[in-house]
Amino acid sequence: MKEERLLFPLLHRYLGSTICNQLNTENTEMISLAKGQQGSLSEESFSRLEKLLKTHVSTEENVLFWYLDVEHPTD
């Protein structure tokens, strides 16, 4: 929730709506899959969740974190 409330508005402002919409859509789907069927995931749901997590983390690392590092280097 904090990500959606605090981070996404900044993403939208500095990186545009495409990346923000993608991350938001992934978050929504991951939450839905995780809540699933009373704590247990089907093999299909688990595979989809695994794929979403990999894509989501990759996007965060390669777009979001890269942007933050470029704009606000620690060195």
PDB file of N, CA and C in Angstrom:
ATOM      1  N   MET A   1       0.818  -1.195   0.000  1.00  0.00           N
ATOM      2  CA  MET A   1       0.000   0.000   0.000  1.00  0.00           C
ATOM      3  C   MET A   1       0.864   1.262   0.000  1.00  0.00           C
ATOM      4  N   LYS A   2       1.966   1.223   0.770  1.00  0.00           N
ATOM      5  CA  LYS A   2       2.839   2.395   0.812  1.00  0.00           C
ATOM      6  C   LYS A   2       3.436   2.662  -0.560  1.00  0.00           C
ATOM      7  N   GLU A   3       3.796   1.583  -1.240  1.00  0.00           N
ATOM      8  CA  GLU A   3       4.366   1.729  -2.578  1.00  0.00           C
ATOM      9  C   GLU A   3       3.379   2.449  -3.490  1.00  0.00           C
ATOM     10  N   GLU A   4       2.145   2.020  -3.461  1.00  0.00           N
ATOM     11  CA  GLU A   4       1.128   2.627  -4.321  1.00  0.00           C
ATOM     12  C   GLU A   4       0.820   4.066  -3.917  1.00  0.00           C
ATOM     13  N   ARG A   5       0.813   4.312  -2.628  1.00  0.00           N
ATOM     14  CA  ARG A   5       0.446   5.638  -2.135  1.00  0.00           C
ATOM     15  C   ARG A   5       1.577   6.654  -2.263  1.00  0.00           C
ATOM     16  N   LEU A   6       2.821   6.215  -1.996  1.00  0.00           N
ATOM     17  CA  LEU A   6       3.945   7.148  -1.974  1.00  0.00           C
ATOM     18  C   LEU A   6       4.829   7.079  -3.215  1.00  0.00           C
ATOM     19  N   LEU A   7       5.149   5.874  -3.628  1.00  0.00           N
ATOM     20  CA  LEU A   7       6.117   5.710  -4.705  1.00  0.00           C
ATOM     21  C   LEU A   7       5.516   5.916  -6.095  1.00  0.00           C
ATOM     22  N   PHE A   8       4.345   5.356  -6.316  1.00  0.00           N
ATOM     23  CA  PHE A   8       3.767   5.447  -7.654  1.00  0.00           C
ATOM     24  C   PHE A   8       3.517   6.870  -8.134  1.00  0.00           C
ATOM     25  N   PRO A   9       3.054   7.780  -7.276  1.00  0.00           N
ATOM     26  CA  PRO A   9       2.912   9.161  -7.750  1.00  0.00           C
ATOM     27  C   PRO A   9       4.249   9.761  -8.210  1.00  0.00           C
ATOM     28  N   LEU A  10       5.337   9.432  -7.515  1.00  0.00           N
ATOM     29  CA  LEU A  10       6.659   9.904  -7.941  1.00  0.00           C
ATOM     30  C   LEU A  10       7.084   9.260  -9.253  1.00  0.00           C
ATOM     31  N   LEU A  11       6.836   7.960  -9.376  1.00  0.00           N
ATOM     32  CA  LEU A  11       7.151   7.273 -10.628  1.00  0.00           C
ATOM     33  C   LEU A  11       6.410   7.923 -11.791  1.00  0.00           C
ATOM     34  N   HIS A  12       5.146   8.161 -11.578  1.00  0.00           N
ATOM     35  CA  HIS A  12       4.335   8.770 -12.639  1.00  0.00           C
ATOM     36  C   HIS A  12       4.892  10.134 -13.009  1.00  0.00           C
ATOM     37  N   ARG A  13       5.276  10.893 -12.027  1.00  0.00           N
ATOM     38  CA  ARG A  13       5.772  12.248 -12.260  1.00  0.00           C
ATOM     39  C   ARG A  13       7.095  12.254 -13.026  1.00  0.00           C
ATOM     40  N   TYR A  14       8.021  11.356 -12.648  1.00  0.00           N
ATOM     41  CA  TYR A  14       9.357  11.396 -13.229  1.00  0.00           C
ATOM     42  C   TYR A  14       9.610  10.377 -14.339  1.00  0.00           C
ATOM     43  N   LEU A  15       8.899   9.281 -14.344  1.00  0.00           N
ATOM     44  CA  LEU A  15       9.151   8.244 -15.352  1.00  0.00           C
ATOM     45  C   LEU A  15       7.991   8.052 -16.309  1.00  0.00           C
ATOM     46  N   GLY A  16       6.870   8.668 -16.045  1.00  0.00           N
ATOM     47  CA  GLY A  16       5.727   8.555 -16.937  1.00  0.00           C
ATOM     48  C   GLY A  16       4.760   7.468 -16.502  1.00  0.00           C
ATOM     49  N   SER A  17       3.635   7.461 -17.148  1.00  0.00           N
ATOM     50  CA  SER A  17       2.561   6.568 -16.736  1.00  0.00           C
ATOM     51  C   SER A  17       2.780   5.119 -17.152  1.00  0.00           C
ATOM     52  N   THR A  18       3.531   4.864 -18.210  1.00  0.00           N
ATOM     53  CA  THR A  18       3.699   3.495 -18.695  1.00  0.00           C
ATOM     54  C   THR A  18       4.310   2.602 -17.630  1.00  0.00           C
ATOM     55  N   ILE A  19       5.425   3.005 -17.074  1.00  0.00           N
ATOM     56  CA  ILE A  19       6.096   2.178 -16.065  1.00  0.00           C
ATOM     57  C   ILE A  19       5.269   2.107 -14.791  1.00  0.00           C
ATOM     58  N   CYS A  20       4.647   3.196 -14.422  1.00  0.00           N
ATOM     59  CA  CYS A  20       3.815   3.223 -13.222  1.00  0.00           C
ATOM     60  C   CYS A  20       2.622   2.282 -13.384  1.00  0.00           C
ATOM     61  N   ASN A  21       1.968   2.339 -14.508  1.00  0.00           N
ATOM     62  CA  ASN A  21       0.825   1.453 -14.759  1.00  0.00           C
ATOM     63  C   ASN A  21       1.239  -0.005 -14.759  1.00  0.00           C
ATOM     64  N   GLN A  22       2.394  -0.306 -15.348  1.00  0.00           N
ATOM     65  CA  GLN A  22       2.886  -1.679 -15.386  1.00  0.00           C
ATOM     66  C   GLN A  22       3.115  -2.204 -13.969  1.00  0.00           C
ATOM     67  N   LEU A  23       3.832  -1.451 -13.152  1.00  0.00           N
ATOM     68  CA  LEU A  23       4.124  -1.889 -11.788  1.00  0.00           C
ATOM     69  C   LEU A  23       2.848  -1.999 -10.958  1.00  0.00           C
ATOM     70  N   ASN A  24       1.945  -1.080 -11.138  1.00  0.00           N
ATOM     71  CA  ASN A  24       0.679  -1.117 -10.411  1.00  0.00           C
ATOM     72  C   ASN A  24      -0.147  -2.340 -10.809  1.00  0.00           C
ATOM     73  N   THR A  25      -0.215  -2.625 -12.086  1.00  0.00           N
ATOM     74  CA  THR A  25      -0.947  -3.791 -12.575  1.00  0.00           C
ATOM     75  C   THR A  25      -0.339  -5.076 -12.030  1.00  0.00           C
ATOM     76  N   GLU A  26       0.990  -5.154 -12.050  1.00  0.00           N
ATOM     77  CA  GLU A  26       1.670  -6.335 -11.511  1.00  0.00           C
ATOM     78  C   GLU A  26       1.383  -6.491 -10.026  1.00  0.00           C
ATOM     79  N   ASN A  27       1.460  -5.392  -9.276  1.00  0.00           N
ATOM     80  CA  ASN A  27       1.165  -5.451  -7.840  1.00  0.00           C
ATOM     81  C   ASN A  27      -0.243  -5.965  -7.578  1.00  0.00           C
ATOM     82  N   THR A  28      -1.198  -5.428  -8.299  1.00  0.00           N
ATOM     83  CA  THR A  28      -2.590  -5.829  -8.118  1.00  0.00           C
ATOM     84  C   THR A  28      -2.768  -7.313  -8.396  1.00  0.00           C
ATOM     85  N   GLU A  29      -2.163  -7.798  -9.476  1.00  0.00           N
ATOM     86  CA  GLU A  29      -2.301  -9.214  -9.821  1.00  0.00           C
ATOM     87  C   GLU A  29      -1.580 -10.107  -8.807  1.00  0.00           C
ATOM     88  N   MET A  30      -0.406  -9.687  -8.348  1.00  0.00           N
ATOM     89  CA  MET A  30       0.321 -10.489  -7.357  1.00  0.00           C
ATOM     90  C   MET A  30      -0.474 -10.594  -6.053  1.00  0.00           C
ATOM     91  N   ILE A  31      -1.064  -9.505  -5.623  1.00  0.00           N
ATOM     92  CA  ILE A  31      -1.873  -9.516  -4.401  1.00  0.00           C
ATOM     93  C   ILE A  31      -3.065 -10.446  -4.565  1.00  0.00           C
ATOM     94  N   SER A  32      -3.706 -10.352  -5.710  1.00  0.00           N
ATOM     95  CA  SER A  32      -4.857 -11.204  -5.983  1.00  0.00           C
ATOM     96  C   SER A  32      -4.463 -12.681  -5.984  1.00  0.00           C
ATOM     97  N   LEU A  33      -3.358 -13.007  -6.621  1.00  0.00           N
ATOM     98  CA  LEU A  33      -2.889 -14.401  -6.652  1.00  0.00           C
ATOM     99  C   LEU A  33      -2.507 -14.881  -5.252  1.00  0.00           C
ATOM    100  N   ALA A  34      -1.823 -14.036  -4.505  1.00  0.00           N
ATOM    101  CA  ALA A  34      -1.364 -14.421  -3.168  1.00  0.00           C
ATOM    102  C   ALA A  34      -2.539 -14.641  -2.209  1.00  0.00           C
ATOM    103  N   LYS A  35      -3.573 -13.846  -2.350  1.00  0.00           N
ATOM    104  CA  LYS A  35      -4.748 -14.011  -1.489  1.00  0.00           C
ATOM    105  C   LYS A  35      -5.517 -15.267  -1.874  1.00  0.00           C
ATOM    106  N   GLY A  36      -5.470 -15.570  -3.160  1.00  0.00           N
ATOM    107  CA  GLY A  36      -6.026 -16.777  -3.751  1.00  0.00           C
ATOM    108  C   GLY A  36      -7.048 -17.561  -2.966  1.00  0.00           C
ATOM    109  N   GLN A  37      -6.799 -18.840  -2.885  1.00  0.00           N
ATOM    110  CA  GLN A  37      -7.759 -19.783  -2.346  1.00  0.00           C
ATOM    111  C   GLN A  37      -7.402 -20.183  -0.919  1.00  0.00           C
ATOM    112  N   GLN A  38      -7.721 -19.365   0.024  1.00  0.00           N
ATOM    113  CA  GLN A  38      -7.535 -19.634   1.448  1.00  0.00           C
ATOM    114  C   GLN A  38      -6.111 -20.088   1.773  1.00  0.00           C
ATOM    115  N   GLY A  39      -5.137 -19.339   1.264  1.00  0.00           N
ATOM    116  CA  GLY A  39      -3.750 -19.595   1.617  1.00  0.00           C
ATOM    117  C   GLY A  39      -3.034 -20.634   0.787  1.00  0.00           C
ATOM    118  N   SER A  40      -3.713 -21.282  -0.143  1.00  0.00           N
ATOM    119  CA  SER A  40      -3.021 -22.255  -0.986  1.00  0.00           C
ATOM    120  C   SER A  40      -3.141 -21.847  -2.447  1.00  0.00           C
ATOM    121  N   LEU A  41      -2.034 -21.983  -3.176  1.00  0.00           N
ATOM    122  CA  LEU A  41      -2.004 -21.617  -4.581  1.00  0.00           C
ATOM    123  C   LEU A  41      -1.995 -22.864  -5.443  1.00  0.00           C
ATOM    124  N   SER A  42      -2.720 -22.818  -6.529  1.00  0.00           N
ATOM    125  CA  SER A  42      -2.629 -23.904  -7.499  1.00  0.00           C
ATOM    126  C   SER A  42      -1.270 -23.812  -8.180  1.00  0.00           C
ATOM    127  N   GLU A  43      -0.881 -24.865  -8.829  1.00  0.00           N
ATOM    128  CA  GLU A  43       0.407 -24.857  -9.530  1.00  0.00           C
ATOM    129  C   GLU A  43       0.426 -23.767 -10.598  1.00  0.00           C
ATOM    130  N   GLU A  44      -0.674 -23.597 -11.281  1.00  0.00           N
ATOM    131  CA  GLU A  44      -0.785 -22.557 -12.316  1.00  0.00           C
ATOM    132  C   GLU A  44      -0.660 -21.162 -11.706  1.00  0.00           C
ATOM    133  N   SER A  45      -1.351 -20.925 -10.585  1.00  0.00           N
ATOM    134  CA  SER A  45      -1.282 -19.626  -9.921  1.00  0.00           C
ATOM    135  C   SER A  45       0.114 -19.358  -9.384  1.00  0.00           C
ATOM    136  N   PHE A  46       0.739 -20.396  -8.829  1.00  0.00           N
ATOM    137  CA  PHE A  46       2.084 -20.248  -8.308  1.00  0.00           C
ATOM    138  C   PHE A  46       3.058 -19.895  -9.436  1.00  0.00           C
ATOM    139  N   SER A  47       2.936 -20.554 -10.574  1.00  0.00           N
ATOM    140  CA  SER A  47       3.800 -20.260 -11.724  1.00  0.00           C
ATOM    141  C   SER A  47       3.606 -18.836 -12.209  1.00  0.00           C
ATOM    142  N   ARG A  48       2.353 -18.392 -12.247  1.00  0.00           N
ATOM    143  CA  ARG A  48       2.058 -17.019 -12.674  1.00  0.00           C
ATOM    144  C   ARG A  48       2.637 -16.026 -11.674  1.00  0.00           C
ATOM    145  N   LEU A  49       2.498 -16.303 -10.382  1.00  0.00           N
ATOM    146  CA  LEU A  49       3.043 -15.425  -9.357  1.00  0.00           C
ATOM    147  C   LEU A  49       4.562 -15.361  -9.456  1.00  0.00           C
ATOM    148  N   GLU A  50       5.193 -16.494  -9.668  1.00  0.00           N
ATOM    149  CA  GLU A  50       6.651 -16.529  -9.822  1.00  0.00           C
ATOM    150  C   GLU A  50       7.100 -15.675 -11.011  1.00  0.00           C
ATOM    151  N   LYS A  51       6.423 -15.805 -12.130  1.00  0.00           N
ATOM    152  CA  LYS A  51       6.756 -15.025 -13.320  1.00  0.00           C
ATOM    153  C   LYS A  51       6.556 -13.525 -13.068  1.00  0.00           C
ATOM    154  N   LEU A  52       5.446 -13.177 -12.443  1.00  0.00           N
ATOM    155  CA  LEU A  52       5.172 -11.773 -12.131  1.00  0.00           C
ATOM    156  C   LEU A  52       6.229 -11.187 -11.208  1.00  0.00           C
ATOM    157  N   LEU A  53       6.605 -11.941 -10.183  1.00  0.00           N
ATOM    158  CA  LEU A  53       7.627 -11.454  -9.247  1.00  0.00           C
ATOM    159  C   LEU A  53       8.949 -11.197  -9.950  1.00  0.00           C
ATOM    160  N   LYS A  54       9.349 -12.133 -10.804  1.00  0.00           N
ATOM    161  CA  LYS A  54      10.607 -11.959 -11.543  1.00  0.00           C
ATOM    162  C   LYS A  54      10.555 -10.719 -12.428  1.00  0.00           C
ATOM    163  N   THR A  55       9.463 -10.542 -13.138  1.00  0.00           N
ATOM    164  CA  THR A  55       9.301  -9.384 -14.017  1.00  0.00           C
ATOM    165  C   THR A  55       9.281  -8.096 -13.200  1.00  0.00           C
ATOM    166  N   HIS A  56       8.531  -8.114 -12.126  1.00  0.00           N
ATOM    167  CA  HIS A  56       8.372  -6.929 -11.289  1.00  0.00           C
ATOM    168  C   HIS A  56       9.715  -6.498 -10.673  1.00  0.00           C
ATOM    169  N   VAL A  57      10.425  -7.449 -10.094  1.00  0.00           N
ATOM    170  CA  VAL A  57      11.716  -7.136  -9.478  1.00  0.00           C
ATOM    171  C   VAL A  57      12.718  -6.668 -10.530  1.00  0.00           C
ATOM    172  N   SER A  58      12.707  -7.300 -11.683  1.00  0.00           N
ATOM    173  CA  SER A  58      13.595  -6.888 -12.766  1.00  0.00           C
ATOM    174  C   SER A  58      13.303  -5.455 -13.202  1.00  0.00           C
ATOM    175  N   THR A  59      12.043  -5.112 -13.328  1.00  0.00           N
ATOM    176  CA  THR A  59      11.664  -3.749 -13.704  1.00  0.00           C
ATOM    177  C   THR A  59      12.109  -2.761 -12.635  1.00  0.00           C
ATOM    178  N   GLU A  60      11.883  -3.114 -11.380  1.00  0.00           N
ATOM    179  CA  GLU A  60      12.310  -2.220 -10.306  1.00  0.00           C
ATOM    180  C   GLU A  60      13.823  -2.020 -10.326  1.00  0.00           C
ATOM    181  N   GLU A  61      14.575  -3.109 -10.475  1.00  0.00           N
ATOM    182  CA  GLU A  61      16.039  -3.017 -10.470  1.00  0.00           C
ATOM    183  C   GLU A  61      16.574  -2.270 -11.685  1.00  0.00           C
ATOM    184  N   ASN A  62      16.029  -2.555 -12.855  1.00  0.00           N
ATOM    185  CA  ASN A  62      16.580  -2.012 -14.090  1.00  0.00           C
ATOM    186  C   ASN A  62      16.020  -0.673 -14.515  1.00  0.00           C
ATOM    187  N   VAL A  63      14.912  -0.269 -13.952  1.00  0.00           N
ATOM    188  CA  VAL A  63      14.324   1.026 -14.307  1.00  0.00           C
ATOM    189  C   VAL A  63      14.287   1.943 -13.086  1.00  0.00           C
ATOM    190  N   LEU A  64      13.547   1.529 -12.091  1.00  0.00           N
ATOM    191  CA  LEU A  64      13.351   2.386 -10.923  1.00  0.00           C
ATOM    192  C   LEU A  64      14.654   2.647 -10.172  1.00  0.00           C
ATOM    193  N   PHE A  65      15.366   1.599  -9.785  1.00  0.00           N
ATOM    194  CA  PHE A  65      16.591   1.785  -9.010  1.00  0.00           C
ATOM    195  C   PHE A  65      17.673   2.459  -9.840  1.00  0.00           C
ATOM    196  N   TRP A  66      17.722   2.142 -11.128  1.00  0.00           N
ATOM    197  CA  TRP A  66      18.682   2.806 -12.014  1.00  0.00           C
ATOM    198  C   TRP A  66      18.397   4.307 -12.040  1.00  0.00           C
ATOM    199  N   TYR A  67      17.139   4.673 -12.198  1.00  0.00           N
ATOM    200  CA  TYR A  67      16.768   6.085 -12.237  1.00  0.00           C
ATOM    201  C   TYR A  67      17.139   6.782 -10.933  1.00  0.00           C
ATOM    202  N   LEU A  68      16.836   6.139  -9.823  1.00  0.00           N
ATOM    203  CA  LEU A  68      17.154   6.736  -8.529  1.00  0.00           C
ATOM    204  C   LEU A  68      18.658   6.911  -8.366  1.00  0.00           C
ATOM    205  N   ASP A  69      19.430   5.962  -8.826  1.00  0.00           N
ATOM    206  CA  ASP A  69      20.884   6.042  -8.729  1.00  0.00           C
ATOM    207  C   ASP A  69      21.423   7.158  -9.615  1.00  0.00           C
ATOM    208  N   VAL A  70      20.895   7.307 -10.809  1.00  0.00           N
ATOM    209  CA  VAL A  70      21.345   8.348 -11.735  1.00  0.00           C
ATOM    210  C   VAL A  70      20.991   9.734 -11.192  1.00  0.00           C
ATOM    211  N   GLU A  71      19.783   9.875 -10.695  1.00  0.00           N
ATOM    212  CA  GLU A  71      19.320  11.169 -10.216  1.00  0.00           C
ATOM    213  C   GLU A  71      19.881  11.545  -8.851  1.00  0.00           C
ATOM    214  N   HIS A  72      20.178  10.549  -8.033  1.00  0.00           N
ATOM    215  CA  HIS A  72      20.622  10.807  -6.667  1.00  0.00           C
ATOM    216  C   HIS A  72      21.784   9.865  -6.304  1.00  0.00           C
ATOM    217  N   PRO A  73      22.925  10.019  -6.947  1.00  0.00           N
ATOM    218  CA  PRO A  73      24.056   9.124  -6.662  1.00  0.00           C
ATOM    219  C   PRO A  73      24.524   9.292  -5.214  1.00  0.00           C
ATOM    220  N   THR A  74      25.026   8.207  -4.653  1.00  0.00           N
ATOM    221  CA  THR A  74      25.484   8.234  -3.266  1.00  0.00           C
ATOM    222  C   THR A  74      26.952   8.601  -3.150  1.00  0.00           C
ATOM    223  N   ASP A  75      27.666   8.627  -4.250  1.00  0.00           N
ATOM    224  CA  ASP A  75      29.104   8.961  -4.218  1.00  0.00           C
ATOM    225  C   ASP A  75      29.347  10.449  -4.226  1.00  0.00           C
TER     226      ASP A  75
END
